[in-house]
PDB file of N, CA and C in Angstrom:
ATOM      1  N   MET A   1      -5.455  31.085  -1.601  1.00  0.00           N
ATOM      2  CA  MET A   1      -4.345  29.323  -0.711  1.00  0.00           C
ATOM      3  C   MET A   1      -5.554  28.831   0.160  1.00  0.00           C
ATOM      4  N   ASN A   2      -5.594  27.903  -0.003  1.00  0.00           N
ATOM      5  CA  ASN A   2      -6.189  27.346   1.469  1.00  0.00           C
ATOM      6  C   ASN A   2      -4.698  26.588   2.042  1.00  0.00           C
ATOM      7  N   PHE A   3      -4.316  27.262   3.054  1.00  0.00           N
ATOM      8  CA  PHE A   3      -3.216  26.498   3.943  1.00  0.00           C
ATOM      9  C   PHE A   3      -4.428  25.051   4.787  1.00  0.00           C
ATOM     10  N   ARG A   4      -5.233  25.141   4.721  1.00  0.00           N
ATOM     11  CA  ARG A   4      -5.898  23.575   5.568  1.00  0.00           C
ATOM     12  C   ARG A   4      -5.419  22.636   5.005  1.00  0.00           C
ATOM     13  N   LYS A   5      -5.794  22.656   3.698  1.00  0.00           N
ATOM     14  CA  LYS A   5      -5.781  21.643   2.471  1.00  0.00           C
ATOM     15  C   LYS A   5      -4.417  21.593   2.329  1.00  0.00           C
ATOM     16  N   ASP A   6      -3.564  22.271   2.180  1.00  0.00           N
ATOM     17  CA  ASP A   6      -2.067  21.946   2.133  1.00  0.00           C
ATOM     18  C   ASP A   6      -1.576  21.293   2.882  1.00  0.00           C
ATOM     19  N   SER A   7      -1.888  22.055   4.155  1.00  0.00           N
ATOM     20  CA  SER A   7      -1.130  21.298   5.596  1.00  0.00           C
ATOM     21  C   SER A   7      -1.685  19.828   5.615  1.00  0.00           C
ATOM     22  N   THR A   8      -2.988  19.411   5.220  1.00  0.00           N
ATOM     23  CA  THR A   8      -3.224  18.045   5.219  1.00  0.00           C
ATOM     24  C   THR A   8      -2.450  16.939   4.503  1.00  0.00           C
ATOM     25  N   GLN A   9      -2.596  17.600   3.082  1.00  0.00           N
ATOM     26  CA  GLN A   9      -1.668  17.159   1.940  1.00  0.00           C
ATOM     27  C   GLN A   9      -0.122  16.685   2.579  1.00  0.00           C
ATOM     28  N   SER A  10       0.516  17.587   2.981  1.00  0.00           N
ATOM     29  CA  SER A  10       1.644  17.612   3.931  1.00  0.00           C
ATOM     30  C   SER A  10       1.753  16.593   4.743  1.00  0.00           C
ATOM     31  N   ALA A  11       0.661  16.632   5.519  1.00  0.00           N
ATOM     32  CA  ALA A  11       0.868  15.415   6.732  1.00  0.00           C
ATOM     33  C   ALA A  11       0.890  14.461   5.733  1.00  0.00           C
ATOM     34  N   GLU A  12      -0.241  14.104   4.866  1.00  0.00           N
ATOM     35  CA  GLU A  12      -0.403  12.651   4.074  1.00  0.00           C
ATOM     36  C   GLU A  12       0.651  12.365   3.547  1.00  0.00           C
ATOM     37  N   ARG A  13       1.552  13.244   3.026  1.00  0.00           N
ATOM     38  CA  ARG A  13       3.280  12.970   2.277  1.00  0.00           C
ATOM     39  C   ARG A  13       4.044  12.660   3.728  1.00  0.00           C
ATOM     40  N   ARG A  14       3.699  12.993   4.368  1.00  0.00           N
ATOM     41  CA  ARG A  14       4.831  12.759   5.854  1.00  0.00           C
ATOM     42  C   ARG A  14       4.638  11.647   6.230  1.00  0.00           C
ATOM     43  N   THR A  15       3.427  11.104   6.114  1.00  0.00           N
ATOM     44  CA  THR A  15       2.865  10.056   7.211  1.00  0.00           C
ATOM     45  C   THR A  15       3.399   9.014   5.806  1.00  0.00           C
ATOM     46  N   LYS A  16       2.746   8.915   4.530  1.00  0.00           N
ATOM     47  CA  LYS A  16       3.089   8.182   3.695  1.00  0.00           C
ATOM     48  C   LYS A  16       4.976   7.900   3.397  1.00  0.00           C
ATOM     49  N   ARG A  17       5.588   8.808   3.945  1.00  0.00           N
ATOM     50  CA  ARG A  17       6.978   8.683   3.791  1.00  0.00           C
ATOM     51  C   ARG A  17       7.335   7.675   4.731  1.00  0.00           C
ATOM     52  N   ARG A  18       6.929   7.971   6.134  1.00  0.00           N
ATOM     53  CA  ARG A  18       6.859   6.766   7.439  1.00  0.00           C
ATOM     54  C   ARG A  18       6.736   5.668   7.309  1.00  0.00           C
ATOM     55  N   LEU A  19       5.169   5.352   6.536  1.00  0.00           N
ATOM     56  CA  LEU A  19       4.599   3.748   6.223  1.00  0.00           C
ATOM     57  C   LEU A  19       5.523   3.216   5.092  1.00  0.00           C
ATOM     58  N   ALA A  20       6.087   3.967   4.242  1.00  0.00           N
ATOM     59  CA  ALA A  20       6.499   3.019   3.102  1.00  0.00           C
ATOM     60  C   ALA A  20       7.717   2.534   3.847  1.00  0.00           C
ATOM     61  N   LYS A  21       8.259   2.811   4.894  1.00  0.00           N
ATOM     62  CA  LYS A  21       9.630   1.953   5.166  1.00  0.00           C
ATOM     63  C   LYS A  21       9.143   0.637   5.808  1.00  0.00           C
ATOM     64  N   TYR A  22       8.057   0.515   6.133  1.00  0.00           N
ATOM     65  CA  TYR A  22       7.275  -0.596   6.591  1.00  0.00           C
ATOM     66  C   TYR A  22       6.669  -1.530   5.608  1.00  0.00           C
ATOM     67  N   LEU A  23       6.775  -0.710   4.865  1.00  0.00           N
ATOM     68  CA  LEU A  23       5.702  -1.487   3.508  1.00  0.00           C
ATOM     69  C   LEU A  23       3.905  -1.522   3.396  1.00  0.00           C
ATOM     70  N   ILE A  24       4.092  -0.305   4.122  1.00  0.00           N
ATOM     71  CA  ILE A  24       2.536  -0.510   4.625  1.00  0.00           C
ATOM     72  C   ILE A  24       1.711   1.000   3.718  1.00  0.00           C
ATOM     73  N   ASP A  25       0.581   0.981   3.113  1.00  0.00           N
ATOM     74  CA  ASP A  25       0.139   1.701   1.994  1.00  0.00           C
ATOM     75  C   ASP A  25      -0.935   2.233   2.880  1.00  0.00           C
ATOM     76  N   LEU A  26      -0.820   3.587   2.572  1.00  0.00           N
ATOM     77  CA  LEU A  26      -2.207   4.562   3.457  1.00  0.00           C
ATOM     78  C   LEU A  26      -3.316   4.573   2.269  1.00  0.00           C
ATOM     79  N   LEU A  27      -4.480   4.740   2.537  1.00  0.00           N
ATOM     80  CA  LEU A  27      -5.623   4.387   1.675  1.00  0.00           C
ATOM     81  C   LEU A  27      -6.461   5.605   2.145  1.00  0.00           C
ATOM     82  N   LYS A  28      -7.095   5.968   1.147  1.00  0.00           N
ATOM     83  CA  LYS A  28      -8.008   7.372   1.620  1.00  0.00           C
ATOM     84  C   LYS A  28      -8.905   7.139   1.060  1.00  0.00           C
ATOM     85  N   ALA A  29     -10.383   7.399   1.818  1.00  0.00           N
ATOM     86  CA  ALA A  29     -11.909   7.431   1.195  1.00  0.00           C
ATOM     87  C   ALA A  29     -11.846   7.534  -0.107  1.00  0.00           C
ATOM     88  N   GLN A  30     -12.688   7.679  -1.197  1.00  0.00           N
ATOM     89  CA  GLN A  30     -12.493   8.469  -2.233  1.00  0.00           C
ATOM     90  C   GLN A  30     -13.760   8.858  -2.150  1.00  0.00           C
ATOM     91  N   LYS A  31     -14.866   8.042  -2.094  1.00  0.00           N
ATOM     92  CA  LYS A  31     -16.352   8.686  -1.620  1.00  0.00           C
ATOM     93  C   LYS A  31     -17.003   8.571  -0.671  1.00  0.00           C
ATOM     94  N   PRO A  32     -16.491   9.363   0.741  1.00  0.00           N
ATOM     95  CA  PRO A  32     -16.500   9.448   2.401  1.00  0.00           C
ATOM     96  C   PRO A  32     -18.169   9.340   2.196  1.00  0.00           C
ATOM     97  N   SER A  33     -18.158   8.361   2.884  1.00  0.00           N
ATOM     98  CA  SER A  33     -19.872   8.947   3.720  1.00  0.00           C
ATOM     99  C   SER A  33     -19.939   9.852   5.030  1.00  0.00           C
ATOM    100  N   SER A  34     -20.845   9.750   5.237  1.00  0.00           N
ATOM    101  CA  SER A  34     -20.977  11.295   6.292  1.00  0.00           C
ATOM    102  C   SER A  34     -20.261  10.877   7.835  1.00  0.00           C
ATOM    103  N   GLN A  35     -20.612   9.284   8.090  1.00  0.00           N
ATOM    104  CA  GLN A  35     -19.501   9.238   8.781  1.00  0.00           C
ATOM    105  C   GLN A  35     -18.114   9.154   8.986  1.00  0.00           C
ATOM    106  N   VAL A  36     -17.740   8.602   7.960  1.00  0.00           N
ATOM    107  CA  VAL A  36     -16.343   8.766   7.514  1.00  0.00           C
ATOM    108  C   VAL A  36     -15.802  10.585   7.309  1.00  0.00           C
ATOM    109  N   LYS A  37     -16.920  11.545   6.958  1.00  0.00           N
ATOM    110  CA  LYS A  37     -16.367  12.760   6.910  1.00  0.00           C
ATOM    111  C   LYS A  37     -16.280  13.177   8.167  1.00  0.00           C
ATOM    112  N   ALA A  38     -17.319  12.766   8.870  1.00  0.00           N
ATOM    113  CA  ALA A  38     -17.319  13.307  10.738  1.00  0.00           C
ATOM    114  C   ALA A  38     -15.722  12.875  11.277  1.00  0.00           C
ATOM    115  N   HIS A  39     -15.449  11.695  11.176  1.00  0.00           N
ATOM    116  CA  HIS A  39     -14.506  11.292  12.117  1.00  0.00           C
ATOM    117  C   HIS A  39     -13.911   9.986  11.062  1.00  0.00           C
ATOM    118  N   GLY A  40     -12.268  10.784  10.438  1.00  0.00           N
ATOM    119  CA  GLY A  40     -11.851   9.493   9.749  1.00  0.00           C
ATOM    120  C   GLY A  40     -11.732   9.620   8.480  1.00  0.00           C
ATOM    121  N   GLY A  41     -11.592   8.540   7.487  1.00  0.00           N
ATOM    122  CA  GLY A  41     -11.234   8.773   6.291  1.00  0.00           C
ATOM    123  C   GLY A  41      -9.910   8.333   5.670  1.00  0.00           C
ATOM    124  N   TYR A  42      -9.425   7.338   6.602  1.00  0.00           N
ATOM    125  CA  TYR A  42      -7.880   6.534   5.939  1.00  0.00           C
ATOM    126  C   TYR A  42      -8.227   5.237   6.820  1.00  0.00           C
ATOM    127  N   LYS A  43      -7.198   4.200   5.814  1.00  0.00           N
ATOM    128  CA  LYS A  43      -6.708   3.031   6.806  1.00  0.00           C
ATOM    129  C   LYS A  43      -5.462   3.012   5.894  1.00  0.00           C
ATOM    130  N   LEU A  44      -4.883   1.564   6.487  1.00  0.00           N
ATOM    131  CA  LEU A  44      -3.253   1.238   5.988  1.00  0.00           C
ATOM    132  C   LEU A  44      -3.970  -0.074   5.653  1.00  0.00           C
ATOM    133  N   ARG A  45      -2.720  -0.673   4.828  1.00  0.00           N
ATOM    134  CA  ARG A  45      -3.060  -2.161   3.944  1.00  0.00           C
ATOM    135  C   ARG A  45      -1.330  -2.101   4.022  1.00  0.00           C
ATOM    136  N   ASP A  46      -1.113  -3.397   4.694  1.00  0.00           N
ATOM    137  CA  ASP A  46       0.065  -4.087   3.856  1.00  0.00           C
ATOM    138  C   ASP A  46       0.234  -4.377   2.812  1.00  0.00           C
ATOM    139  N   ALA A  47       1.513  -3.877   1.937  1.00  0.00           N
ATOM    140  CA  ALA A  47       1.482  -4.154   0.585  1.00  0.00           C
ATOM    141  C   ALA A  47       1.937  -5.603   0.448  1.00  0.00           C
ATOM    142  N   ARG A  48       2.252  -6.270   1.448  1.00  0.00           N
ATOM    143  CA  ARG A  48       2.906  -7.357   0.835  1.00  0.00           C
ATOM    144  C   ARG A  48       1.741  -8.373   0.766  1.00  0.00           C
ATOM    145  N   SER A  49       0.527  -8.349   1.434  1.00  0.00           N
ATOM    146  CA  SER A  49      -0.681  -9.268   1.872  1.00  0.00           C
ATOM    147  C   SER A  49      -1.693  -8.588   1.322  1.00  0.00           C
ATOM    148  N   GLY A  50      -2.060  -7.127   1.411  1.00  0.00           N
ATOM    149  CA  GLY A  50      -2.917  -6.805   1.296  1.00  0.00           C
ATOM    150  C   GLY A  50      -3.732  -6.691   2.421  1.00  0.00           C
ATOM    151  N   LYS A  51      -3.447  -7.293   3.436  1.00  0.00           N
ATOM    152  CA  LYS A  51      -4.447  -7.083   4.025  1.00  0.00           C
ATOM    153  C   LYS A  51      -4.718  -5.650   5.378  1.00  0.00           C
ATOM    154  N   ILE A  52      -6.090  -5.179   5.340  1.00  0.00           N
ATOM    155  CA  ILE A  52      -6.112  -4.223   6.113  1.00  0.00           C
ATOM    156  C   ILE A  52      -5.339  -4.571   7.906  1.00  0.00           C
ATOM    157  N   VAL A  53      -4.535  -3.604   8.251  1.00  0.00           N
ATOM    158  CA  VAL A  53      -3.925  -3.300   9.031  1.00  0.00           C
ATOM    159  C   VAL A  53      -4.591  -2.327  10.274  1.00  0.00           C
ATOM    160  N   PHE A  54      -4.906  -1.169   9.545  1.00  0.00           N
ATOM    161  CA  PHE A  54      -5.377  -0.193  10.753  1.00  0.00           C
ATOM    162  C   PHE A  54      -6.298   0.811  10.517  1.00  0.00           C
ATOM    163  N   GLY A  55      -7.565   1.309  10.952  1.00  0.00           N
ATOM    164  CA  GLY A  55      -8.317   2.135  10.110  1.00  0.00           C
ATOM    165  C   GLY A  55      -9.666   1.618   9.793  1.00  0.00           C
ATOM    166  N   ASP A  56     -10.010   0.108   9.710  1.00  0.00           N
ATOM    167  CA  ASP A  56     -11.545  -0.409   9.896  1.00  0.00           C
ATOM    168  C   ASP A  56     -12.305  -1.400  10.688  1.00  0.00           C
ATOM    169  N   LYS A  57     -11.921  -0.478  12.146  1.00  0.00           N
ATOM    170  CA  LYS A  57     -12.946  -0.946  13.046  1.00  0.00           C
ATOM    171  C   LYS A  57     -14.231   0.014  13.307  1.00  0.00           C
ATOM    172  N   GLY A  58     -15.408  -0.990  13.562  1.00  0.00           N
ATOM    173  CA  GLY A  58     -16.600  -0.397  13.272  1.00  0.00           C
ATOM    174  C   GLY A  58     -17.231  -0.045  11.852  1.00  0.00           C
ATOM    175  N   TYR A  59     -16.446   0.748  11.074  1.00  0.00           N
ATOM    176  CA  TYR A  59     -16.578   0.939  10.134  1.00  0.00           C
ATOM    177  C   TYR A  59     -14.919   1.093   8.900  1.00  0.00           C
ATOM    178  N   GLU A  60     -16.105   1.226   7.703  1.00  0.00           N
ATOM    179  CA  GLU A  60     -14.488   0.991   6.925  1.00  0.00           C
ATOM    180  C   GLU A  60     -13.971   2.782   7.000  1.00  0.00           C
ATOM    181  N   PHE A  61     -12.325   2.958   6.595  1.00  0.00           N
ATOM    182  CA  PHE A  61     -11.562   4.425   6.861  1.00  0.00           C
ATOM    183  C   PHE A  61     -12.271   4.788   8.026  1.00  0.00           C
ATOM    184  N   SER A  62     -12.017   4.142   9.310  1.00  0.00           N
ATOM    185  CA  SER A  62     -12.371   4.692  10.862  1.00  0.00           C
ATOM    186  C   SER A  62     -11.568   5.435  11.137  1.00  0.00           C
ATOM    187  N   ALA A  63     -10.311   5.866  10.323  1.00  0.00           N
ATOM    188  CA  ALA A  63      -8.777   6.538  11.143  1.00  0.00           C
ATOM    189  C   ALA A  63      -8.636   7.690  10.532  1.00  0.00           C
ATOM    190  N   THR A  64      -8.047   8.909  11.382  1.00  0.00           N
ATOM    191  CA  THR A  64      -7.711   9.995  11.521  1.00  0.00           C
ATOM    192  C   THR A  64      -6.532   9.553  10.980  1.00  0.00           C
ATOM    193  N   LEU A  65      -5.666  10.815  10.399  1.00  0.00           N
ATOM    194  CA  LEU A  65      -3.757  11.053  10.399  1.00  0.00           C
ATOM    195  C   LEU A  65      -3.338  11.090  11.763  1.00  0.00           C
ATOM    196  N   GLU A  66      -4.062  11.766  12.793  1.00  0.00           N
ATOM    197  CA  GLU A  66      -3.579  11.336  14.107  1.00  0.00           C
ATOM    198  C   GLU A  66      -3.489   9.939  14.349  1.00  0.00           C
ATOM    199  N   ASP A  67      -4.913   9.540  14.036  1.00  0.00           N
ATOM    200  CA  ASP A  67      -4.851   8.169  14.619  1.00  0.00           C
ATOM    201  C   ASP A  67      -3.880   7.015  14.225  1.00  0.00           C
ATOM    202  N   ILE A  68      -3.689   7.425  12.970  1.00  0.00           N
ATOM    203  CA  ILE A  68      -2.412   6.407  11.939  1.00  0.00           C
ATOM    204  C   ILE A  68      -0.913   7.183  12.798  1.00  0.00           C
ATOM    205  N   GLU A  69      -1.010   8.354  12.911  1.00  0.00           N
ATOM    206  CA  GLU A  69       0.182   8.903  12.993  1.00  0.00           C
ATOM    207  C   GLU A  69       0.803   8.355  14.777  1.00  0.00           C
ATOM    208  N   ALA A  70       0.058   7.997  15.380  1.00  0.00           N
ATOM    209  CA  ALA A  70      -0.036   7.190  16.825  1.00  0.00           C
ATOM    210  C   ALA A  70       0.006   5.815  16.921  1.00  0.00           C
ATOM    211  N   TRP A  71      -0.581   5.597  15.903  1.00  0.00           N
ATOM    212  CA  TRP A  71      -0.245   3.827  15.844  1.00  0.00           C
ATOM    213  C   TRP A  71       1.092   3.602  15.558  1.00  0.00           C
ATOM    214  N   LEU A  72       1.258   4.547  14.413  1.00  0.00           N
ATOM    215  CA  LEU A  72       2.429   4.247  13.808  1.00  0.00           C
ATOM    216  C   LEU A  72       3.564   4.077  14.309  1.00  0.00           C
ATOM    217  N   ASP A  73       3.746   5.423  15.897  1.00  0.00           N
ATOM    218  CA  ASP A  73       4.575   5.625  17.059  1.00  0.00           C
ATOM    219  C   ASP A  73       4.552   4.398  17.930  1.00  0.00           C
ATOM    220  N   GLU A  74       3.587   4.076  18.271  1.00  0.00           N
ATOM    221  CA  GLU A  74       3.747   2.643  18.586  1.00  0.00           C
ATOM    222  C   GLU A  74       4.256   1.424  18.166  1.00  0.00           C
ATOM    223  N   GLU A  75       4.116   1.045  16.975  1.00  0.00           N
ATOM    224  CA  GLU A  75       4.553   0.081  16.269  1.00  0.00           C
ATOM    225  C   GLU A  75       5.993   0.589  16.134  1.00  0.00           C
ATOM    226  N   GLU A  76       6.778   1.318  16.040  1.00  0.00           N
ATOM    227  CA  GLU A  76       7.948   1.873  15.919  1.00  0.00           C
ATOM    228  C   GLU A  76       8.942   1.459  17.367  1.00  0.00           C
ATOM    229  N   ALA A  77       7.755   1.817  18.555  1.00  0.00           N
ATOM    230  CA  ALA A  77       8.378   1.707  19.824  1.00  0.00           C
ATOM    231  C   ALA A  77       8.442   0.071  19.897  1.00  0.00           C
ATOM    232  N   LYS A  78       7.457  -0.410  19.625  1.00  0.00           N
ATOM    233  CA  LYS A  78       7.818  -2.021  19.788  1.00  0.00           C
ATOM    234  C   LYS A  78       8.693  -2.621  18.839  1.00  0.00           C
ATOM    235  N   LEU A  79       9.233  -1.765  17.903  1.00  0.00           N
ATOM    236  CA  LEU A  79      10.223  -2.784  17.270  1.00  0.00           C
ATOM    237  C   LEU A  79      11.642  -2.177  17.712  1.00  0.00           C
ATOM    238  N   HIS A  80      11.774  -0.925  17.690  1.00  0.00           N
ATOM    239  CA  HIS A  80      12.777  -0.686  18.822  1.00  0.00           C
ATOM    240  C   HIS A  80      13.045  -1.266  20.388  1.00  0.00           C
ATOM    241  N   ALA A  81      11.869  -1.487  21.072  1.00  0.00           N
ATOM    242  CA  ALA A  81      12.437  -2.777  22.166  1.00  0.00           C
ATOM    243  C   ALA A  81      12.409  -3.423  21.654  1.00  0.00           C
ATOM    244  N   GLN A  82      12.085  -4.241  20.387  1.00  0.00           N
ATOM    245  CA  GLN A  82      12.598  -6.007  20.392  1.00  0.00           C
ATOM    246  C   GLN A  82      14.183  -6.050  19.968  1.00  0.00           C
ATOM    247  N   LYS A  83      14.652  -4.633  19.570  1.00  0.00           N
ATOM    248  CA  LYS A  83      15.805  -4.325  19.218  1.00  0.00           C
ATOM    249  C   LYS A  83      16.880  -4.597  19.960  1.00  0.00           C
ATOM    250  N   ASP A  84      16.441  -4.142  21.475  1.00  0.00           N
ATOM    251  CA  ASP A  84      17.582  -3.975  22.429  1.00  0.00           C
ATOM    252  C   ASP A  84      17.042  -5.110  23.640  1.00  0.00           C
TER     253      ASP A  84
END
């Protein structure tokens, strides 16, 4: 059993659940280039407009799961600040 793979899949599922609340899709590179393999592999798309909202700076699929979680934490903090 490959625990690294399982933990990555778990992190992807957890992140997808968080993003679903905001109608944002987690996209994963299907045929990653060497650059994507070295760093990245993911990007985010607004499900309503189809527009990429994160993970395409410099090259496609430039975000890691950690980058996406940090971005999502910031976005959620902004939303909570607006409500207060």
